[in-house]
Protein backbone atom coordinates (compact mmCIF):
# COMPACT_ATOMS: atom_id res chain seq x y z
CA MET A 1 5.21 20.09 -34.24
CA PHE A 2 7.00 17.14 -32.61
CA GLY A 3 4.65 16.79 -29.66
CA ARG A 4 2.21 14.26 -31.11
CA LEU A 5 2.87 10.98 -32.87
CA GLY A 6 -0.03 9.72 -34.87
CA ALA A 7 -0.62 6.33 -36.45
CA PRO A 8 1.21 7.14 -39.72
CA GLU A 9 4.35 8.22 -37.86
CA ILE A 10 4.37 5.12 -35.65
CA ILE A 11 3.89 2.86 -38.69
CA LEU A 12 6.76 4.62 -40.47
CA ILE A 13 9.03 4.15 -37.44
CA LEU A 14 8.16 0.42 -37.26
CA VAL A 15 8.86 -0.03 -40.99
CA VAL A 16 12.26 1.64 -40.61
CA ILE A 17 13.11 -0.61 -37.63
CA ILE A 18 12.11 -3.73 -39.56
CA LEU A 19 14.20 -2.62 -42.54
CA LEU A 20 17.23 -1.90 -40.34
CA PHE A 21 17.22 -5.04 -38.22
CA GLY A 22 15.35 -7.51 -40.41
CA ALA A 23 12.12 -9.29 -39.58
CA LYS A 24 13.90 -12.53 -38.61
CA LYS A 25 16.10 -10.96 -35.94
CA LEU A 26 13.43 -8.92 -34.15
CA PRO A 27 11.82 -11.84 -32.23
CA ASP A 28 15.25 -13.04 -31.10
CA MET A 29 16.18 -9.55 -29.97
CA ALA A 30 12.94 -9.18 -28.02
CA ARG A 31 13.41 -12.62 -26.44
CA SER A 32 16.97 -11.85 -25.33
CA LEU A 33 15.87 -8.48 -23.98
CA GLY A 34 13.15 -10.20 -21.93
CA LYS A 35 15.64 -12.76 -20.55
CA SER A 36 18.04 -9.97 -19.61
CA ALA A 37 15.28 -8.10 -17.79
CA ARG A 38 14.26 -11.25 -15.86
CA ILE A 39 17.87 -11.94 -14.87
CA LEU A 40 18.37 -8.37 -13.72
CA LYS A 41 15.15 -8.47 -11.70
CA SER A 42 15.99 -11.80 -10.03
CA GLU A 43 19.54 -10.69 -9.18
CA ALA A 44 18.30 -7.40 -7.70
CA LYS A 45 15.77 -9.33 -5.61
CA ALA A 46 18.49 -11.75 -4.44
CA MET A 47 20.74 -8.85 -3.45
CA LYS A 48 17.95 -7.26 -1.41
CA GLU A 49 17.26 -10.58 0.33
CA ASP A 50 20.97 -11.06 1.07
CA LYS A 51 21.24 -7.61 2.61
CA SER A 52 18.16 -8.05 4.78
CA SER A 53 19.13 -11.53 6.01
CA ALA A 54 22.84 -10.80 6.58
CA PRO A 55 23.90 -10.57 10.25
CA ALA A 56 24.98 -7.15 11.47
CA ASP A 57 28.22 -8.40 13.09
CA PRO A 58 30.27 -11.47 12.19
CA PRO A 59 30.66 -14.05 14.99
CA ALA A 60 33.30 -13.02 17.50
CA THR A 61 34.59 -16.57 17.97
CA GLY A 62 37.64 -17.73 16.03
CA GLU A 63 35.68 -20.42 14.23
CA GLN A 64 35.65 -20.39 10.45
CA GLN A 65 32.29 -21.13 8.93
CA PRO A 66 32.29 -23.41 5.89
CA PRO A 67 31.42 -21.63 2.66
CA SER A 68 27.74 -21.78 1.89
CA GLN A 69 26.48 -22.98 -1.47
CA ARG A 70 24.02 -20.94 -3.47
CA THR A 71 22.33 -21.73 -6.73
CA ILE A 72 22.37 -19.06 -9.38
CA GLN A 73 19.64 -19.29 -11.98
CA ALA A 74 19.76 -17.61 -15.36
CA ALA A 75 16.05 -16.81 -15.23
CA PRO A 76 13.24 -17.57 -12.78
CA GLY A 77 12.01 -21.09 -13.45
CA ASP A 78 14.92 -21.94 -15.76
CA VAL A 79 16.42 -25.01 -14.07
CA THR A 80 18.50 -26.19 -17.02
CA SER A 81 21.07 -23.46 -16.63
CA SER A 82 21.21 -23.27 -12.83
CA ARG A 83 24.43 -24.30 -11.16
CA PRO A 84 25.69 -24.35 -7.59
CA VAL A 85 28.43 -21.87 -6.77
CA THR A 86 30.70 -21.47 -3.79
CA GLU A 87 30.90 -18.03 -2.23
CA PRO A 88 34.38 -16.48 -2.34
CA THR A 89 36.29 -16.70 0.90
CA ASP A 90 38.80 -14.29 2.38
CA THR A 91 42.24 -15.89 2.10
CA THR A 92 44.25 -12.98 3.50
CA LYS A 93 46.09 -13.59 6.78
CA ARG A 94 45.52 -11.23 9.66
């Protein structure tokens, strides 16, 4: 009974969605969903790269390394919203 969706059922579902959300808001919702997916994908990729390039042991010398600067982008190729950030440092005394 509920196993197959034919063309009339899909059209009915689309009409109900358009009536609920309005035709003007649907493109904006789809656009924001796409941006969110691109951001999630780029952040997941950056986390994988950070894990693979991170050294196994921190340097044994007492030297403090200056904080490195990274650039976080809202979406791949979106340079208008990118900004440099400073990585958090450990300020606790040992």
